[in-house]
Amino acid sequence: MASTKAMNPPRRECRQCWYHAYASREAHAGLGPREDCPECVDHMVNGHPEHMIVR
């Protein structure tokens, strides 16, 4: 189960990025060794969608 910190990002942070950073093993469980997370890559390339930013 994800930690409380992973589930409660501070204001102005992306919910997905925060979760992937603090619950990394759970968020990336299906990935193989040295495999990039498609969701993380999408955020690195395209930025964070406004609806995922904590207000």
N, C-alpha and C. Protein backbone atom coordinates (compact mmCIF):
# COMPACT_ATOMS: atom_id res chain seq x y z
N MET A 1 0.84 -1.18 0.00
CA MET A 1 0.00 0.00 0.00
C MET A 1 0.88 1.25 0.00
N ALA A 2 0.46 2.23 -0.76
CA ALA A 2 1.22 3.47 -0.86
C ALA A 2 1.21 4.23 0.46
N SER A 3 2.27 4.92 0.72
CA SER A 3 2.37 5.69 1.96
C SER A 3 1.46 6.90 1.91
N THR A 4 1.21 7.46 3.07
CA THR A 4 0.40 8.67 3.18
C THR A 4 1.06 9.80 2.41
N LYS A 5 2.37 9.89 2.46
CA LYS A 5 3.09 10.95 1.75
C LYS A 5 2.86 10.84 0.24
N ALA A 6 2.86 9.62 -0.28
CA ALA A 6 2.66 9.41 -1.72
C ALA A 6 1.26 9.80 -2.17
N MET A 7 0.30 9.65 -1.28
CA MET A 7 -1.09 9.91 -1.64
C MET A 7 -1.54 11.36 -1.38
N ASN A 8 -0.70 12.16 -0.74
CA ASN A 8 -1.06 13.54 -0.40
C ASN A 8 -0.01 14.53 -0.85
N PRO A 9 0.02 14.84 -2.14
CA PRO A 9 1.01 15.81 -2.62
C PRO A 9 0.71 17.22 -2.12
N PRO A 10 1.74 18.03 -1.95
CA PRO A 10 1.53 19.42 -1.54
C PRO A 10 0.97 20.25 -2.70
N ARG A 11 0.53 21.44 -2.38
CA ARG A 11 -0.02 22.33 -3.41
C ARG A 11 1.02 22.60 -4.49
N ARG A 12 0.52 22.79 -5.70
CA ARG A 12 1.31 23.10 -6.89
C ARG A 12 2.20 21.95 -7.36
N GLU A 13 1.93 20.73 -6.89
CA GLU A 13 2.67 19.56 -7.35
C GLU A 13 1.73 18.67 -8.17
N CYS A 14 2.30 17.93 -9.10
CA CYS A 14 1.54 17.01 -9.93
C CYS A 14 1.25 15.73 -9.13
N ARG A 15 -0.01 15.35 -9.08
CA ARG A 15 -0.40 14.15 -8.33
C ARG A 15 0.30 12.90 -8.84
N GLN A 16 0.34 12.73 -10.13
CA GLN A 16 0.96 11.53 -10.70
C GLN A 16 2.46 11.49 -10.43
N CYS A 17 3.14 12.58 -10.66
CA CYS A 17 4.59 12.61 -10.43
C CYS A 17 4.92 12.37 -8.97
N TRP A 18 4.13 12.98 -8.08
CA TRP A 18 4.36 12.81 -6.65
C TRP A 18 4.17 11.34 -6.26
N TYR A 19 3.10 10.73 -6.77
CA TYR A 19 2.84 9.32 -6.47
C TYR A 19 3.96 8.43 -7.01
N HIS A 20 4.37 8.67 -8.24
CA HIS A 20 5.42 7.87 -8.85
C HIS A 20 6.76 8.05 -8.13
N ALA A 21 6.98 9.20 -7.54
CA ALA A 21 8.23 9.43 -6.81
C ALA A 21 8.23 8.76 -5.44
N TYR A 22 7.10 8.81 -4.74
CA TYR A 22 7.07 8.32 -3.36
C TYR A 22 6.47 6.92 -3.20
N ALA A 23 5.88 6.37 -4.24
CA ALA A 23 5.39 4.99 -4.22
C ALA A 23 5.93 4.30 -5.46
N SER A 24 7.19 4.54 -5.73
CA SER A 24 7.83 4.10 -6.97
C SER A 24 7.69 2.61 -7.23
N ARG A 25 7.87 1.80 -6.22
CA ARG A 25 7.79 0.34 -6.44
C ARG A 25 6.40 -0.08 -6.87
N GLU A 26 5.38 0.50 -6.27
CA GLU A 26 4.01 0.18 -6.64
C GLU A 26 3.65 0.75 -8.01
N ALA A 27 4.04 1.99 -8.26
CA ALA A 27 3.70 2.66 -9.51
C ALA A 27 4.40 2.01 -10.70
N HIS A 28 5.59 1.48 -10.48
CA HIS A 28 6.38 0.93 -11.57
C HIS A 28 6.53 -0.58 -11.48
N ALA A 29 5.61 -1.25 -10.78
CA ALA A 29 5.71 -2.69 -10.54
C ALA A 29 5.69 -3.51 -11.84
N GLY A 30 4.97 -3.08 -12.84
CA GLY A 30 4.85 -3.85 -14.08
C GLY A 30 5.98 -3.66 -15.07
N LEU A 31 6.92 -2.80 -14.75
CA LEU A 31 8.01 -2.52 -15.67
C LEU A 31 9.16 -3.50 -15.49
N GLY A 32 9.84 -3.78 -16.57
CA GLY A 32 11.01 -4.64 -16.52
C GLY A 32 12.24 -3.84 -16.14
N PRO A 33 13.35 -4.53 -15.96
CA PRO A 33 14.60 -3.83 -15.65
C PRO A 33 14.97 -2.84 -16.76
N ARG A 34 15.35 -1.64 -16.36
CA ARG A 34 15.78 -0.58 -17.27
C ARG A 34 14.69 -0.16 -18.26
N GLU A 35 13.43 -0.44 -17.94
CA GLU A 35 12.31 -0.03 -18.79
C GLU A 35 11.74 1.28 -18.26
N ASP A 36 11.55 2.25 -19.15
CA ASP A 36 11.01 3.55 -18.76
C ASP A 36 9.50 3.46 -18.57
N CYS A 37 9.01 4.19 -17.60
CA CYS A 37 7.58 4.28 -17.34
C CYS A 37 6.95 5.20 -18.39
N PRO A 38 6.00 4.71 -19.19
CA PRO A 38 5.40 5.57 -20.23
C PRO A 38 4.73 6.81 -19.67
N GLU A 39 4.11 6.70 -18.49
CA GLU A 39 3.45 7.87 -17.89
C GLU A 39 4.47 8.92 -17.47
N CYS A 40 5.58 8.49 -16.90
CA CYS A 40 6.62 9.43 -16.49
C CYS A 40 7.27 10.09 -17.70
N VAL A 41 7.52 9.32 -18.74
CA VAL A 41 8.12 9.86 -19.96
C VAL A 41 7.17 10.89 -20.58
N ASP A 42 5.88 10.60 -20.59
CA ASP A 42 4.90 11.54 -21.14
C ASP A 42 4.94 12.86 -20.39
N HIS A 43 5.04 12.81 -19.06
CA HIS A 43 5.10 14.05 -18.28
C HIS A 43 6.42 14.79 -18.49
N MET A 44 7.51 14.07 -18.70
CA MET A 44 8.78 14.73 -18.96
C MET A 44 8.78 15.43 -20.31
N VAL A 45 8.13 14.82 -21.30
CA VAL A 45 8.12 15.37 -22.66
C VAL A 45 7.05 16.45 -22.82
N ASN A 46 5.84 16.17 -22.34
CA ASN A 46 4.70 17.05 -22.59
C ASN A 46 4.31 17.94 -21.42
N GLY A 47 4.95 17.79 -20.29
CA GLY A 47 4.59 18.59 -19.12
C GLY A 47 3.44 17.96 -18.35
N HIS A 48 3.01 18.67 -17.34
CA HIS A 48 1.96 18.17 -16.45
C HIS A 48 0.62 18.73 -16.86
N PRO A 49 -0.40 17.87 -17.02
CA PRO A 49 -1.74 18.39 -17.32
C PRO A 49 -2.27 19.21 -16.14
N GLU A 50 -2.96 20.28 -16.43
CA GLU A 50 -3.49 21.17 -15.38
C GLU A 50 -4.39 20.45 -14.39
N HIS A 51 -5.15 19.46 -14.86
CA HIS A 51 -6.08 18.79 -13.95
C HIS A 51 -5.37 17.89 -12.93
N MET A 52 -4.08 17.65 -13.09
CA MET A 52 -3.34 16.83 -12.14
C MET A 52 -2.56 17.65 -11.12
N ILE A 53 -2.56 18.96 -11.27
CA ILE A 53 -1.85 19.83 -10.33
C ILE A 53 -2.75 20.11 -9.14
N VAL A 54 -2.21 19.92 -7.94
CA VAL A 54 -2.98 20.16 -6.71
C VAL A 54 -3.15 21.66 -6.53
N ARG A 55 -4.36 22.07 -6.27
CA ARG A 55 -4.67 23.50 -6.07
C ARG A 55 -4.84 23.80 -4.61
